[in-house]
Amino acid sequence: MGPMSAEAKTCETQSGKFRGMCMSSTNCASVCKSEPGFDGGHCQ
C-alpha cells in the first residue's frame, strides 16, 4: 500500500480571511491557498 495523500479542494465558500469584493479570481485563489485544506479558489 502506497503513501496516503489528502486531496485538496477548491475554496467555494466564504473565506475566513478574504475581505472586500472578489474582483480577481487570482487574488481569491491566493487567499484560499493560505487557508488549511484548500489549493485555490475563484470569484462567483
N, C-alpha and C. Protein backbone atom coordinates (compact mmCIF):
# COMPACT_ATOMS: atom_id res chain seq x y z
N MET A 1 0.84 -1.18 0.00
CA MET A 1 0.00 0.00 0.00
C MET A 1 0.89 1.24 0.00
N GLY A 2 0.62 2.18 -0.90
CA GLY A 2 1.43 3.40 -1.05
C GLY A 2 1.06 4.44 -0.01
N PRO A 3 1.79 5.55 -0.03
CA PRO A 3 1.50 6.63 0.91
C PRO A 3 0.15 7.26 0.63
N MET A 4 -0.53 7.64 1.69
CA MET A 4 -1.84 8.28 1.53
C MET A 4 -1.64 9.78 1.36
N SER A 5 -2.46 10.38 0.52
CA SER A 5 -2.37 11.83 0.33
C SER A 5 -3.75 12.43 0.51
N ALA A 6 -3.78 13.61 1.06
CA ALA A 6 -5.04 14.33 1.23
C ALA A 6 -5.34 15.07 -0.06
N GLU A 7 -6.56 14.95 -0.52
CA GLU A 7 -6.95 15.65 -1.75
C GLU A 7 -7.35 17.07 -1.40
N ALA A 8 -6.69 18.04 -2.02
CA ALA A 8 -7.01 19.44 -1.78
C ALA A 8 -8.31 19.79 -2.49
N LYS A 9 -9.00 20.76 -1.98
CA LYS A 9 -10.26 21.16 -2.59
C LYS A 9 -10.26 22.65 -2.91
N THR A 10 -11.12 23.03 -3.83
CA THR A 10 -11.24 24.44 -4.22
C THR A 10 -12.15 25.16 -3.24
N CYS A 11 -11.71 26.33 -2.81
CA CYS A 11 -12.46 27.15 -1.86
C CYS A 11 -13.67 27.75 -2.57
N GLU A 12 -14.87 27.29 -2.24
CA GLU A 12 -16.09 27.82 -2.85
C GLU A 12 -17.01 28.45 -1.81
N THR A 13 -16.59 28.43 -0.56
CA THR A 13 -17.38 29.05 0.50
C THR A 13 -16.72 30.36 0.90
N GLN A 14 -17.40 31.14 1.70
CA GLN A 14 -16.83 32.42 2.12
C GLN A 14 -15.55 32.17 2.90
N SER A 15 -14.53 32.86 2.52
CA SER A 15 -13.22 32.74 3.16
C SER A 15 -13.23 33.42 4.51
N GLY A 16 -12.49 32.85 5.45
CA GLY A 16 -12.34 33.48 6.75
C GLY A 16 -11.36 34.64 6.70
N LYS A 17 -10.55 34.71 5.64
CA LYS A 17 -9.51 35.74 5.53
C LYS A 17 -9.76 36.76 4.43
N PHE A 18 -10.55 36.42 3.41
CA PHE A 18 -10.77 37.33 2.28
C PHE A 18 -11.71 38.45 2.69
N ARG A 19 -11.34 39.67 2.38
CA ARG A 19 -12.16 40.83 2.71
C ARG A 19 -12.41 41.64 1.44
N GLY A 20 -13.61 42.20 1.33
CA GLY A 20 -13.94 43.03 0.19
C GLY A 20 -14.59 42.23 -0.93
N MET A 21 -14.87 42.93 -2.04
CA MET A 21 -15.48 42.28 -3.20
C MET A 21 -14.45 41.45 -3.94
N CYS A 22 -14.88 40.32 -4.45
CA CYS A 22 -13.98 39.44 -5.21
C CYS A 22 -14.00 39.89 -6.67
N MET A 23 -12.99 40.65 -7.05
CA MET A 23 -12.89 41.16 -8.41
C MET A 23 -11.84 40.39 -9.21
N SER A 24 -11.00 39.63 -8.53
CA SER A 24 -9.92 38.91 -9.18
C SER A 24 -9.85 37.49 -8.64
N SER A 25 -10.14 36.50 -9.50
CA SER A 25 -10.06 35.11 -9.06
C SER A 25 -8.64 34.74 -8.63
N THR A 26 -7.63 35.39 -9.21
CA THR A 26 -6.24 35.13 -8.82
C THR A 26 -6.03 35.54 -7.37
N ASN A 27 -6.55 36.69 -6.99
CA ASN A 27 -6.43 37.17 -5.61
C ASN A 27 -7.18 36.24 -4.66
N CYS A 28 -8.38 35.84 -5.03
CA CYS A 28 -9.17 34.94 -4.21
C CYS A 28 -8.44 33.61 -4.04
N ALA A 29 -7.87 33.08 -5.11
CA ALA A 29 -7.14 31.81 -5.04
C ALA A 29 -5.96 31.92 -4.09
N SER A 30 -5.26 33.05 -4.12
CA SER A 30 -4.11 33.26 -3.24
C SER A 30 -4.53 33.23 -1.77
N VAL A 31 -5.65 33.89 -1.47
CA VAL A 31 -6.15 33.92 -0.09
C VAL A 31 -6.60 32.52 0.32
N CYS A 32 -7.32 31.84 -0.55
CA CYS A 32 -7.81 30.49 -0.22
C CYS A 32 -6.65 29.52 0.03
N LYS A 33 -5.57 29.67 -0.73
CA LYS A 33 -4.41 28.78 -0.55
C LYS A 33 -3.80 28.94 0.84
N SER A 34 -4.00 30.10 1.47
CA SER A 34 -3.43 30.31 2.80
C SER A 34 -4.30 29.68 3.89
N GLU A 35 -5.47 29.16 3.52
CA GLU A 35 -6.35 28.53 4.48
C GLU A 35 -6.16 27.01 4.41
N PRO A 36 -6.25 26.33 5.55
CA PRO A 36 -5.98 24.89 5.60
C PRO A 36 -6.88 24.07 4.68
N GLY A 37 -6.28 23.18 3.89
CA GLY A 37 -7.03 22.23 3.09
C GLY A 37 -7.44 22.68 1.70
N PHE A 38 -7.12 23.92 1.31
CA PHE A 38 -7.53 24.42 0.00
C PHE A 38 -6.33 24.65 -0.90
N ASP A 39 -6.51 24.37 -2.19
CA ASP A 39 -5.41 24.60 -3.14
C ASP A 39 -5.74 25.71 -4.13
N GLY A 40 -6.86 26.40 -3.95
CA GLY A 40 -7.23 27.50 -4.83
C GLY A 40 -8.65 27.95 -4.59
N GLY A 41 -9.08 28.93 -5.36
CA GLY A 41 -10.43 29.46 -5.26
C GLY A 41 -10.72 30.34 -6.46
N HIS A 42 -11.95 30.82 -6.56
CA HIS A 42 -12.32 31.69 -7.67
C HIS A 42 -13.50 32.55 -7.28
N CYS A 43 -13.69 33.65 -8.00
CA CYS A 43 -14.84 34.53 -7.76
C CYS A 43 -16.11 33.86 -8.26
N GLN A 44 -17.21 34.17 -7.58
CA GLN A 44 -18.51 33.67 -8.03
C GLN A 44 -19.45 34.83 -8.23
